[in-house]
């Protein structure tokens, strides 16, 4: 059985630099009837466990370590035995949320993770966060972009650990080079495609946000 993509939305808060905001997060599950990985364990371990429906959770993959993307990761891992994987450049952010725990293994640029016969290639895309990654599944025609690329533009870069020129470089060099039909499944909000977003790069640069 080939891997499929499932989606749920969980709600909670995002906190950084002394502010807190209510947010809805996309949680993506990739797998088959037996095994799965979770991309971004946000807010609600119970809801994610219910969506898994008894499948073996092989890993919790973190696109970055802002608290709204990782707050449920340790609870989900402890209840399933799954490993948590995070790019090491985001360990300072991880420690802000989970000072007494650590991810189980690093994510590295170019690393290939296989679930249900489907490869996910790690693309290091810093800018929104130093260790931000996207996960590209060519067989599924999909890239999971976390908060690096949204429908309508790049992720926010106005807070600590972020940088606008860096996220633009990441999007230009690592994402807009993917096939135009590639679906972009984001960390918040609606999905899009590479082809829909690519024509707007110069507009984003001009806006400089």
N, C-alpha and C. Protein backbone atom coordinates (compact mmCIF):
# COMPACT_ATOMS: atom_id res chain seq x y z
N UNK A 1 0.85 -1.20 0.00
CA UNK A 1 0.00 0.00 0.00
C UNK A 1 0.88 1.25 0.00
N UNK A 2 0.57 2.20 -0.86
CA UNK A 2 1.36 3.41 -0.93
C UNK A 2 0.96 4.38 0.18
N UNK A 3 1.89 5.25 0.49
CA UNK A 3 1.63 6.22 1.55
C UNK A 3 0.56 7.22 1.12
N UNK A 4 -0.18 7.69 2.10
CA UNK A 4 -1.16 8.74 1.86
C UNK A 4 -0.91 9.86 2.86
N UNK A 5 -1.52 11.00 2.58
CA UNK A 5 -1.36 12.18 3.43
C UNK A 5 -2.68 12.45 4.12
N UNK A 6 -2.63 12.62 5.43
CA UNK A 6 -3.81 13.01 6.19
C UNK A 6 -3.51 14.29 6.94
N UNK A 7 -4.56 15.02 7.24
CA UNK A 7 -4.42 16.38 7.77
C UNK A 7 -5.38 16.59 8.92
N UNK A 8 -4.89 17.17 10.00
CA UNK A 8 -5.80 17.66 11.02
C UNK A 8 -5.31 19.02 11.49
N UNK A 9 -6.21 19.78 12.07
CA UNK A 9 -5.90 21.11 12.58
C UNK A 9 -6.07 21.09 14.09
N UNK A 10 -5.06 21.55 14.80
CA UNK A 10 -5.11 21.65 16.25
C UNK A 10 -4.94 23.11 16.65
N UNK A 11 -5.46 23.47 17.81
CA UNK A 11 -5.45 24.87 18.24
C UNK A 11 -4.73 25.02 19.58
N UNK A 12 -4.05 26.15 19.71
CA UNK A 12 -3.34 26.44 20.94
C UNK A 12 -2.77 27.84 20.88
N UNK A 13 -1.58 28.02 21.43
CA UNK A 13 -0.95 29.33 21.43
C UNK A 13 0.48 29.25 20.93
N UNK A 14 0.95 30.35 20.39
CA UNK A 14 2.34 30.53 19.99
C UNK A 14 2.92 31.63 20.85
N UNK A 15 4.07 31.37 21.48
CA UNK A 15 4.70 32.35 22.35
C UNK A 15 6.16 32.53 21.96
N UNK A 16 6.57 33.80 21.84
CA UNK A 16 7.97 34.12 21.57
C UNK A 16 8.18 35.59 21.86
N UNK A 17 9.35 35.92 22.38
CA UNK A 17 9.74 37.31 22.62
C UNK A 17 8.76 38.03 23.54
N UNK A 18 8.16 37.31 24.48
CA UNK A 18 7.29 37.93 25.45
C UNK A 18 5.84 38.09 25.04
N UNK A 19 5.50 37.67 23.83
CA UNK A 19 4.11 37.76 23.36
C UNK A 19 3.51 36.37 23.19
N UNK A 20 2.18 36.31 23.25
CA UNK A 20 1.47 35.05 23.05
C UNK A 20 0.26 35.30 22.15
N UNK A 21 0.06 34.41 21.18
CA UNK A 21 -1.01 34.55 20.21
C UNK A 21 -1.75 33.22 20.07
N UNK A 22 -3.06 33.28 19.85
CA UNK A 22 -3.85 32.09 19.54
C UNK A 22 -3.57 31.68 18.10
N UNK A 23 -3.37 30.39 17.89
CA UNK A 23 -3.06 29.89 16.55
C UNK A 23 -3.74 28.56 16.28
N UNK A 24 -4.01 28.32 15.01
CA UNK A 24 -4.41 27.01 14.51
C UNK A 24 -3.26 26.44 13.71
N UNK A 25 -2.89 25.22 13.98
CA UNK A 25 -1.76 24.58 13.31
C UNK A 25 -2.20 23.40 12.47
N UNK A 26 -1.55 23.24 11.33
CA UNK A 26 -1.73 22.03 10.53
C UNK A 26 -0.80 20.94 11.03
N UNK A 27 -1.37 19.77 11.25
CA UNK A 27 -0.60 18.56 11.57
C UNK A 27 -0.77 17.61 10.38
N UNK A 28 0.34 17.14 9.85
CA UNK A 28 0.31 16.25 8.68
C UNK A 28 0.76 14.86 9.08
N UNK A 29 0.02 13.86 8.63
CA UNK A 29 0.35 12.46 8.88
C UNK A 29 0.61 11.80 7.52
N UNK A 30 1.75 11.17 7.39
CA UNK A 30 2.12 10.47 6.15
C UNK A 30 2.35 9.01 6.49
N UNK A 31 1.67 8.12 5.78
CA UNK A 31 1.86 6.70 6.04
C UNK A 31 0.82 5.86 5.34
N UNK A 32 0.73 4.60 5.78
CA UNK A 32 -0.26 3.67 5.24
C UNK A 32 -1.11 3.14 6.39
N UNK A 33 -1.68 1.97 6.23
CA UNK A 33 -2.55 1.43 7.28
C UNK A 33 -1.78 0.90 8.48
N UNK A 34 -0.46 0.73 8.33
CA UNK A 34 0.35 0.13 9.39
C UNK A 34 1.26 1.14 10.09
N UNK A 35 1.92 1.97 9.31
CA UNK A 35 2.98 2.83 9.84
C UNK A 35 2.76 4.27 9.38
N UNK A 36 3.23 5.21 10.19
CA UNK A 36 3.07 6.61 9.84
C UNK A 36 4.15 7.46 10.52
N UNK A 37 4.35 8.65 9.98
CA UNK A 37 5.10 9.70 10.66
C UNK A 37 4.17 10.90 10.82
N UNK A 38 4.43 11.68 11.85
CA UNK A 38 3.71 12.93 12.08
C UNK A 38 4.66 14.08 11.80
N UNK A 39 4.20 15.03 11.01
CA UNK A 39 4.96 16.25 10.76
C UNK A 39 4.35 17.36 11.61
N UNK A 40 5.08 17.79 12.62
CA UNK A 40 4.70 18.86 13.55
C UNK A 40 3.58 18.43 14.50
N UNK A 41 3.98 18.00 15.67
CA UNK A 41 3.04 17.56 16.71
C UNK A 41 2.59 18.77 17.52
N UNK A 42 1.54 19.41 17.03
CA UNK A 42 1.10 20.69 17.57
C UNK A 42 -0.05 20.52 18.55
N UNK A 43 0.13 21.00 19.76
CA UNK A 43 -0.92 21.31 20.73
C UNK A 43 -1.61 20.13 21.40
N UNK A 44 -1.98 19.09 20.66
CA UNK A 44 -2.98 18.13 21.16
C UNK A 44 -2.58 16.69 20.85
N UNK A 45 -1.83 16.09 21.77
CA UNK A 45 -1.39 14.71 21.54
C UNK A 45 -2.57 13.75 21.41
N UNK A 46 -3.63 13.98 22.18
CA UNK A 46 -4.80 13.09 22.10
C UNK A 46 -5.42 13.10 20.71
N UNK A 47 -5.58 14.29 20.13
CA UNK A 47 -6.18 14.39 18.80
C UNK A 47 -5.30 13.72 17.76
N UNK A 48 -4.00 13.86 17.90
CA UNK A 48 -3.08 13.23 16.93
C UNK A 48 -3.12 11.72 17.08
N UNK A 49 -3.14 11.22 18.32
CA UNK A 49 -3.26 9.78 18.55
C UNK A 49 -4.55 9.23 17.96
N UNK A 50 -5.64 9.97 18.11
CA UNK A 50 -6.92 9.52 17.54
C UNK A 50 -6.84 9.44 16.03
N UNK A 51 -6.17 10.42 15.41
CA UNK A 51 -6.04 10.41 13.96
C UNK A 51 -5.16 9.26 13.48
N UNK A 52 -4.18 8.89 14.29
CA UNK A 52 -3.32 7.76 13.93
C UNK A 52 -4.08 6.44 13.97
N UNK A 53 -5.05 6.35 14.85
CA UNK A 53 -5.92 5.19 14.88
C UNK A 53 -5.24 3.85 15.11
N UNK A 54 -4.21 3.84 15.95
CA UNK A 54 -3.56 2.57 16.26
C UNK A 54 -2.40 2.20 15.37
N UNK A 55 -2.12 3.02 14.35
CA UNK A 55 -0.94 2.74 13.53
C UNK A 55 0.34 2.96 14.32
N UNK A 56 1.41 2.31 13.87
CA UNK A 56 2.72 2.50 14.49
C UNK A 56 3.26 3.86 14.09
N UNK A 57 3.53 4.71 15.07
CA UNK A 57 4.13 6.00 14.78
C UNK A 57 5.64 5.83 14.78
N UNK A 58 6.24 6.01 13.62
CA UNK A 58 7.68 5.79 13.46
C UNK A 58 8.51 6.98 13.91
N UNK A 59 7.99 8.19 13.70
CA UNK A 59 8.77 9.38 14.05
C UNK A 59 7.86 10.59 14.11
N UNK A 60 8.28 11.55 14.93
CA UNK A 60 7.70 12.89 14.94
C UNK A 60 8.73 13.80 14.28
N UNK A 61 8.39 14.34 13.13
CA UNK A 61 9.32 15.17 12.37
C UNK A 61 8.95 16.64 12.60
N UNK A 62 9.92 17.42 13.05
CA UNK A 62 9.67 18.82 13.39
C UNK A 62 10.21 19.72 12.28
N UNK A 63 9.33 20.50 11.67
CA UNK A 63 9.81 21.43 10.64
C UNK A 63 10.63 22.55 11.26
N UNK A 64 10.36 22.89 12.52
CA UNK A 64 11.15 23.84 13.29
C UNK A 64 10.67 23.77 14.73
N UNK A 65 11.29 24.55 15.60
CA UNK A 65 11.04 24.35 17.03
C UNK A 65 10.32 25.50 17.70
N UNK A 66 9.54 26.29 16.94
CA UNK A 66 8.64 27.20 17.63
C UNK A 66 7.64 26.38 18.44
N UNK A 67 7.26 26.92 19.60
CA UNK A 67 6.53 26.09 20.56
C UNK A 67 5.23 25.52 20.00
N UNK A 68 4.57 26.27 19.10
CA UNK A 68 3.28 25.78 18.60
C UNK A 68 3.42 24.58 17.67
N UNK A 69 4.63 24.29 17.23
CA UNK A 69 4.86 23.13 16.36
C UNK A 69 5.40 21.92 17.12
N UNK A 70 5.85 22.13 18.36
CA UNK A 70 6.50 21.02 19.09
C UNK A 70 5.92 20.79 20.48
N UNK A 71 4.88 21.57 20.87
CA UNK A 71 4.46 21.48 22.27
C UNK A 71 3.92 20.11 22.65
N UNK A 72 3.33 19.38 21.68
CA UNK A 72 2.80 18.04 21.98
C UNK A 72 3.77 16.92 21.64
N UNK A 73 4.95 17.26 21.14
CA UNK A 73 5.86 16.22 20.65
C UNK A 73 6.33 15.25 21.75
N UNK A 74 6.80 15.73 22.91
CA UNK A 74 7.23 14.76 23.92
C UNK A 74 6.12 13.84 24.40
N UNK A 75 4.92 14.38 24.60
CA UNK A 75 3.80 13.54 25.05
C UNK A 75 3.45 12.50 24.00
N UNK A 76 3.43 12.91 22.74
CA UNK A 76 3.12 11.97 21.68
C UNK A 76 4.19 10.89 21.58
N UNK A 77 5.45 11.29 21.70
CA UNK A 77 6.53 10.31 21.62
C UNK A 77 6.50 9.33 22.79
N UNK A 78 6.23 9.84 23.98
CA UNK A 78 6.24 8.97 25.15
C UNK A 78 5.11 7.94 25.09
N UNK A 79 4.03 8.29 24.45
CA UNK A 79 2.88 7.38 24.38
C UNK A 79 2.95 6.42 23.21
N UNK A 80 3.87 6.64 22.29
CA UNK A 80 3.95 5.78 21.11
C UNK A 80 5.30 5.12 20.92
N UNK A 81 6.32 5.61 21.61
CA UNK A 81 7.67 5.11 21.39
C UNK A 81 8.35 5.70 20.18
N UNK A 82 7.70 6.68 19.52
CA UNK A 82 8.30 7.30 18.33
C UNK A 82 9.47 8.19 18.73
N UNK A 83 10.38 8.35 17.80
CA UNK A 83 11.50 9.26 17.99
C UNK A 83 11.14 10.65 17.48
N UNK A 84 11.68 11.67 18.14
CA UNK A 84 11.50 13.05 17.72
C UNK A 84 12.76 13.48 16.96
N UNK A 85 12.56 14.01 15.76
CA UNK A 85 13.68 14.44 14.91
C UNK A 85 13.57 15.94 14.65
N UNK A 86 14.69 16.64 14.85
CA UNK A 86 14.74 18.10 14.71
C UNK A 86 16.11 18.50 14.21
N UNK A 87 16.16 19.52 13.35
CA UNK A 87 17.46 20.03 12.93
C UNK A 87 18.16 20.67 14.12
N UNK A 88 19.43 20.37 14.34
CA UNK A 88 20.11 20.84 15.56
C UNK A 88 20.22 22.35 15.68
N UNK A 89 20.13 23.09 14.58
CA UNK A 89 20.20 24.54 14.68
C UNK A 89 19.01 25.13 15.43
N UNK A 90 17.95 24.34 15.62
CA UNK A 90 16.79 24.83 16.36
C UNK A 90 16.76 24.36 17.81
N UNK A 91 17.84 23.77 18.28
CA UNK A 91 17.85 23.33 19.68
C UNK A 91 17.65 24.48 20.68
N UNK A 92 18.19 25.69 20.44
CA UNK A 92 17.91 26.77 21.39
C UNK A 92 16.43 27.08 21.51
N UNK A 93 15.69 27.02 20.39
CA UNK A 93 14.24 27.23 20.45
C UNK A 93 13.56 26.07 21.15
N UNK A 94 13.98 24.85 20.86
CA UNK A 94 13.40 23.68 21.53
C UNK A 94 13.51 23.83 23.05
N UNK A 95 14.68 24.26 23.51
CA UNK A 95 14.93 24.34 24.95
C UNK A 95 14.06 25.40 25.62
N UNK A 96 13.59 26.38 24.87
CA UNK A 96 12.67 27.36 25.46
C UNK A 96 11.35 26.69 25.86
N UNK A 97 10.92 25.70 25.09
CA UNK A 97 9.65 25.02 25.36
C UNK A 97 9.84 23.78 26.22
N UNK A 98 10.90 23.02 25.95
CA UNK A 98 11.12 21.75 26.65
C UNK A 98 12.54 21.74 27.24
N UNK A 99 12.76 22.51 28.31
CA UNK A 99 14.12 22.62 28.85
C UNK A 99 14.67 21.32 29.42
N UNK A 100 13.78 20.39 29.76
CA UNK A 100 14.24 19.17 30.42
C UNK A 100 14.25 17.95 29.50
N UNK A 101 14.07 18.16 28.21
CA UNK A 101 14.12 17.04 27.27
C UNK A 101 14.84 17.49 26.02
N UNK A 102 15.14 16.52 25.17
CA UNK A 102 15.84 16.81 23.92
C UNK A 102 15.27 15.92 22.82
N UNK A 103 15.36 16.36 21.57
CA UNK A 103 14.99 15.46 20.48
C UNK A 103 15.86 14.21 20.48
N UNK A 104 15.36 13.18 19.83
CA UNK A 104 16.08 11.90 19.83
C UNK A 104 17.15 11.81 18.76
N UNK A 105 16.98 12.54 17.67
CA UNK A 105 17.92 12.44 16.57
C UNK A 105 17.84 13.71 15.73
N UNK A 106 18.94 14.04 15.03
CA UNK A 106 18.93 15.25 14.20
C UNK A 106 18.34 15.00 12.82
N UNK A 107 17.82 16.07 12.26
CA UNK A 107 17.52 16.10 10.83
C UNK A 107 18.65 16.84 10.13
N UNK A 108 19.06 16.34 8.97
CA UNK A 108 20.16 16.95 8.24
C UNK A 108 19.76 17.19 6.79
N UNK A 109 20.26 18.27 6.23
CA UNK A 109 19.95 18.57 4.84
C UNK A 109 20.34 17.40 3.94
N UNK A 110 19.43 17.01 3.08
CA UNK A 110 19.68 15.90 2.16
C UNK A 110 19.34 14.53 2.71
N UNK A 111 19.08 14.45 4.01
CA UNK A 111 18.69 13.17 4.62
C UNK A 111 17.39 12.67 3.99
N UNK A 112 17.29 11.37 3.79
CA UNK A 112 16.09 10.77 3.23
C UNK A 112 15.47 9.84 4.26
N UNK A 113 14.23 10.11 4.60
CA UNK A 113 13.46 9.29 5.53
C UNK A 113 12.42 8.54 4.72
N UNK A 114 12.24 7.26 5.00
CA UNK A 114 11.31 6.45 4.24
C UNK A 114 10.20 5.95 5.14
N UNK A 115 8.96 6.18 4.71
CA UNK A 115 7.79 5.69 5.43
C UNK A 115 6.81 5.10 4.43
N UNK A 116 6.40 3.87 4.69
CA UNK A 116 5.44 3.18 3.82
C UNK A 116 5.90 3.20 2.37
N UNK A 117 7.20 3.01 2.16
CA UNK A 117 7.75 2.97 0.82
C UNK A 117 7.90 4.31 0.14
N UNK A 118 7.65 5.38 0.86
CA UNK A 118 7.71 6.73 0.29
C UNK A 118 8.84 7.51 0.94
N UNK A 119 9.67 8.14 0.10
CA UNK A 119 10.81 8.90 0.60
C UNK A 119 10.41 10.34 0.90
N UNK A 120 10.90 10.82 2.04
CA UNK A 120 10.81 12.24 2.40
C UNK A 120 12.24 12.77 2.48
N UNK A 121 12.56 13.74 1.65
CA UNK A 121 13.89 14.33 1.64
C UNK A 121 13.89 15.62 2.44
N UNK A 122 14.85 15.73 3.35
CA UNK A 122 14.96 16.90 4.21
C UNK A 122 15.66 18.03 3.45
N UNK A 123 15.02 19.19 3.40
CA UNK A 123 15.60 20.39 2.81
C UNK A 123 15.77 21.41 3.92
N UNK A 124 17.01 21.76 4.25
CA UNK A 124 17.24 22.77 5.28
C UNK A 124 16.91 24.13 4.68
N UNK A 125 15.92 24.82 5.27
CA UNK A 125 15.43 26.09 4.73
C UNK A 125 15.38 27.14 5.83
N UNK A 126 16.53 27.59 6.32
CA UNK A 126 16.53 28.56 7.42
C UNK A 126 15.93 29.89 6.99
N UNK A 127 15.59 30.68 8.00
CA UNK A 127 15.03 32.00 7.77
C UNK A 127 13.94 32.30 8.77
N UNK A 128 12.87 31.51 8.76
CA UNK A 128 11.85 31.64 9.80
C UNK A 128 12.42 31.20 11.14
N UNK A 129 13.25 30.19 11.11
CA UNK A 129 14.01 29.72 12.26
C UNK A 129 15.31 29.14 11.73
N UNK A 130 16.37 29.13 12.54
CA UNK A 130 17.67 28.68 12.03
C UNK A 130 17.67 27.24 11.54
N UNK A 131 16.90 26.37 12.22
CA UNK A 131 16.87 24.96 11.86
C UNK A 131 15.63 24.56 11.11
N UNK A 132 14.95 25.51 10.50
CA UNK A 132 13.74 25.18 9.75
C UNK A 132 14.07 24.23 8.59
N UNK A 133 13.22 23.24 8.41
CA UNK A 133 13.36 22.31 7.29
C UNK A 133 12.02 22.16 6.59
N UNK A 134 12.09 21.78 5.32
CA UNK A 134 10.93 21.32 4.57
C UNK A 134 11.16 19.85 4.24
N UNK A 135 10.08 19.14 4.02
CA UNK A 135 10.15 17.70 3.74
C UNK A 135 9.49 17.46 2.39
N UNK A 136 10.30 17.01 1.43
CA UNK A 136 9.86 16.86 0.05
C UNK A 136 9.62 15.39 -0.26
N UNK A 137 8.39 15.10 -0.70
CA UNK A 137 8.00 13.74 -1.07
C UNK A 137 7.70 13.72 -2.56
N UNK A 138 8.71 13.48 -3.40
CA UNK A 138 8.47 13.55 -4.85
C UNK A 138 7.43 12.56 -5.34
N UNK A 139 7.38 11.36 -4.73
CA UNK A 139 6.39 10.37 -5.18
C UNK A 139 4.96 10.82 -4.91
N UNK A 140 4.80 11.70 -3.92
CA UNK A 140 3.48 12.23 -3.59
C UNK A 140 3.25 13.61 -4.22
N UNK A 141 4.26 14.13 -4.90
CA UNK A 141 4.13 15.44 -5.51
C UNK A 141 3.88 16.54 -4.51
N UNK A 142 4.52 16.43 -3.33
CA UNK A 142 4.19 17.30 -2.21
C UNK A 142 5.45 17.71 -1.47
N UNK A 143 5.45 18.95 -0.98
CA UNK A 143 6.46 19.40 -0.04
C UNK A 143 5.76 19.98 1.18
N UNK A 144 6.22 19.58 2.35
CA UNK A 144 5.69 20.08 3.62
C UNK A 144 6.62 21.20 4.07
N UNK A 145 6.09 22.42 4.13
CA UNK A 145 6.97 23.58 4.29
C UNK A 145 6.96 24.20 5.68
N UNK A 146 6.21 23.63 6.62
CA UNK A 146 6.18 24.26 7.94
C UNK A 146 5.80 25.72 7.82
N UNK A 147 6.61 26.61 8.41
CA UNK A 147 6.34 28.04 8.32
C UNK A 147 7.32 28.75 7.40
N UNK A 148 7.94 28.01 6.47
CA UNK A 148 8.87 28.64 5.53
C UNK A 148 8.13 29.29 4.37
N UNK A 149 7.15 28.59 3.80
CA UNK A 149 6.39 29.12 2.66
C UNK A 149 4.92 28.85 2.87
N UNK A 150 4.12 29.90 2.72
CA UNK A 150 2.67 29.83 2.84
C UNK A 150 2.01 30.18 1.50
N UNK A 151 0.70 29.98 1.43
CA UNK A 151 -0.06 30.56 0.33
C UNK A 151 0.05 32.08 0.47
N UNK A 152 0.71 32.70 -0.49
CA UNK A 152 0.82 34.16 -0.46
C UNK A 152 2.15 34.70 0.01
N UNK A 153 3.09 33.83 0.38
CA UNK A 153 4.39 34.38 0.71
C UNK A 153 5.16 33.64 1.78
N UNK A 154 6.31 34.20 2.14
CA UNK A 154 7.19 33.55 3.12
C UNK A 154 6.66 33.66 4.53
N UNK A 155 7.16 32.79 5.40
CA UNK A 155 6.84 32.87 6.81
C UNK A 155 7.40 34.13 7.45
N UNK A 156 6.90 34.42 8.63
CA UNK A 156 7.28 35.65 9.33
C UNK A 156 8.75 35.62 9.74
N UNK A 157 9.37 36.80 9.69
CA UNK A 157 10.77 36.91 10.09
C UNK A 157 11.00 38.11 11.01
N UNK A 158 9.97 38.54 11.72
CA UNK A 158 10.09 39.72 12.54
C UNK A 158 10.48 39.47 13.99
N UNK A 159 10.74 38.20 14.33
CA UNK A 159 11.02 37.89 15.73
C UNK A 159 12.41 37.25 15.86
N UNK A 160 12.78 36.93 17.08
CA UNK A 160 14.10 36.38 17.35
C UNK A 160 14.36 35.12 16.52
N UNK A 161 15.62 34.91 16.19
CA UNK A 161 16.10 33.72 15.48
C UNK A 161 15.69 33.71 14.00
N UNK A 162 15.10 34.80 13.47
CA UNK A 162 14.63 34.78 12.09
C UNK A 162 15.33 35.86 11.27
N UNK A 163 15.27 35.70 9.93
CA UNK A 163 15.97 36.65 9.06
C UNK A 163 15.33 36.62 7.68
N UNK A 164 14.90 37.80 7.20
CA UNK A 164 14.18 37.86 5.93
C UNK A 164 15.04 37.49 4.72
N UNK A 165 16.24 38.06 4.54
CA UNK A 165 17.03 37.65 3.38
C UNK A 165 17.32 36.15 3.36
N UNK A 166 17.48 35.56 4.54
CA UNK A 166 17.78 34.13 4.61
C UNK A 166 16.58 33.31 4.15
N UNK A 167 15.36 33.68 4.57
CA UNK A 167 14.19 32.90 4.16
C UNK A 167 13.95 33.05 2.66
N UNK A 168 14.22 34.24 2.11
CA UNK A 168 14.08 34.43 0.66
C UNK A 168 15.05 33.53 -0.09
N UNK A 169 16.30 33.47 0.37
CA UNK A 169 17.27 32.58 -0.26
C UNK A 169 16.81 31.12 -0.20
N UNK A 170 16.29 30.72 0.97
CA UNK A 170 15.83 29.34 1.12
C UNK A 170 14.69 29.02 0.15
N UNK A 171 13.73 29.93 0.06
CA UNK A 171 12.58 29.69 -0.82
C UNK A 171 13.03 29.68 -2.28
N UNK A 172 13.86 30.64 -2.66
CA UNK A 172 14.31 30.72 -4.05
C UNK A 172 15.13 29.49 -4.45
N UNK A 173 16.05 29.10 -3.60
CA UNK A 173 17.03 28.08 -3.98
C UNK A 173 16.55 26.66 -3.71
N UNK A 174 15.71 26.46 -2.69
CA UNK A 174 15.36 25.11 -2.29
C UNK A 174 13.94 24.71 -2.65
N UNK A 175 13.01 25.70 -2.73
CA UNK A 175 11.60 25.37 -2.95
C UNK A 175 11.13 25.72 -4.35
N UNK A 176 11.43 26.92 -4.82
CA UNK A 176 10.91 27.32 -6.13
C UNK A 176 11.58 26.57 -7.27
N UNK A 177 12.61 25.80 -6.96
CA UNK A 177 13.25 24.94 -7.96
C UNK A 177 12.53 23.60 -8.10
N UNK A 178 11.57 23.31 -7.23
CA UNK A 178 10.80 22.07 -7.32
C UNK A 178 9.80 22.17 -8.48
N UNK A 179 9.28 21.04 -8.97
CA UNK A 179 8.32 21.10 -10.07
C UNK A 179 7.12 21.99 -9.74
N UNK A 180 6.65 22.79 -10.71
CA UNK A 180 5.57 23.73 -10.42
C UNK A 180 4.30 23.10 -9.87
N UNK A 181 4.03 21.85 -10.25
CA UNK A 181 2.81 21.20 -9.78
C UNK A 181 2.90 20.69 -8.35
N UNK A 182 4.08 20.81 -7.73
CA UNK A 182 4.26 20.30 -6.37
C UNK A 182 3.31 21.00 -5.40
N UNK A 183 2.53 20.20 -4.68
CA UNK A 183 1.64 20.76 -3.67
C UNK A 183 2.46 21.20 -2.45
N UNK A 184 2.10 22.33 -1.89
CA UNK A 184 2.77 22.90 -0.73
C UNK A 184 1.82 22.80 0.45
N UNK A 185 2.13 21.89 1.37
CA UNK A 185 1.33 21.73 2.59
C UNK A 185 2.04 22.49 3.71
N UNK A 186 1.36 23.47 4.26
CA UNK A 186 1.97 24.47 5.12
C UNK A 186 1.70 24.19 6.60
N UNK A 187 2.36 24.96 7.45
CA UNK A 187 2.18 24.81 8.89
C UNK A 187 0.92 25.45 9.43
N UNK A 188 0.38 26.41 8.69
CA UNK A 188 -0.86 27.09 9.06
C UNK A 188 -1.59 27.43 7.76
N UNK A 189 -2.91 27.41 7.80
CA UNK A 189 -3.68 27.89 6.66
C UNK A 189 -3.76 26.90 5.52
N UNK A 190 -4.13 27.44 4.35
CA UNK A 190 -4.43 26.62 3.19
C UNK A 190 -3.16 26.20 2.45
N UNK A 191 -3.28 25.07 1.76
CA UNK A 191 -2.20 24.61 0.91
C UNK A 191 -2.16 25.41 -0.39
N UNK A 192 -1.07 25.26 -1.11
CA UNK A 192 -0.90 25.95 -2.39
C UNK A 192 -0.04 25.07 -3.28
N UNK A 193 0.55 25.61 -4.32
CA UNK A 193 1.50 24.87 -5.15
C UNK A 193 2.72 25.75 -5.40
N UNK A 194 3.81 25.12 -5.78
CA UNK A 194 5.02 25.87 -6.13
C UNK A 194 4.72 26.81 -7.30
N UNK A 195 3.97 26.31 -8.28
CA UNK A 195 3.67 27.12 -9.46
C UNK A 195 2.84 28.35 -9.14
N UNK A 196 1.97 28.25 -8.14
CA UNK A 196 1.17 29.41 -7.74
C UNK A 196 2.01 30.47 -7.06
N UNK A 197 3.02 30.05 -6.32
CA UNK A 197 3.80 31.00 -5.52
C UNK A 197 5.00 31.57 -6.24
N UNK A 198 5.61 30.79 -7.13
CA UNK A 198 6.87 31.20 -7.76
C UNK A 198 6.82 32.56 -8.44
N UNK A 199 5.73 32.93 -9.15
CA UNK A 199 5.74 34.23 -9.85
C UNK A 199 5.80 35.43 -8.93
N UNK A 200 5.60 35.24 -7.64
CA UNK A 200 5.47 36.38 -6.73
C UNK A 200 6.74 36.68 -5.93
N UNK A 201 7.82 35.98 -6.22
CA UNK A 201 9.04 36.14 -5.42
C UNK A 201 9.49 37.59 -5.36
N UNK A 202 9.53 38.27 -6.51
CA UNK A 202 10.03 39.64 -6.52
C UNK A 202 9.10 40.57 -5.74
N UNK A 203 7.79 40.28 -5.75
CA UNK A 203 6.86 41.07 -4.95
C UNK A 203 7.19 40.93 -3.47
N UNK A 204 7.47 39.71 -3.03
CA UNK A 204 7.78 39.49 -1.61
C UNK A 204 9.05 40.25 -1.23
N UNK A 205 10.04 40.20 -2.12
CA UNK A 205 11.30 40.90 -1.82
C UNK A 205 11.05 42.40 -1.72
N UNK A 206 10.22 42.92 -2.61
CA UNK A 206 9.92 44.34 -2.59
C UNK A 206 9.18 44.75 -1.33
N UNK A 207 8.28 43.87 -0.86
CA UNK A 207 7.56 44.16 0.37
C UNK A 207 8.48 44.06 1.58
N UNK A 208 9.45 43.14 1.47
CA UNK A 208 10.48 43.02 2.51
C UNK A 208 9.96 42.65 3.87
N UNK A 209 9.01 41.68 3.92
CA UNK A 209 8.48 41.29 5.23
C UNK A 209 8.63 39.81 5.43
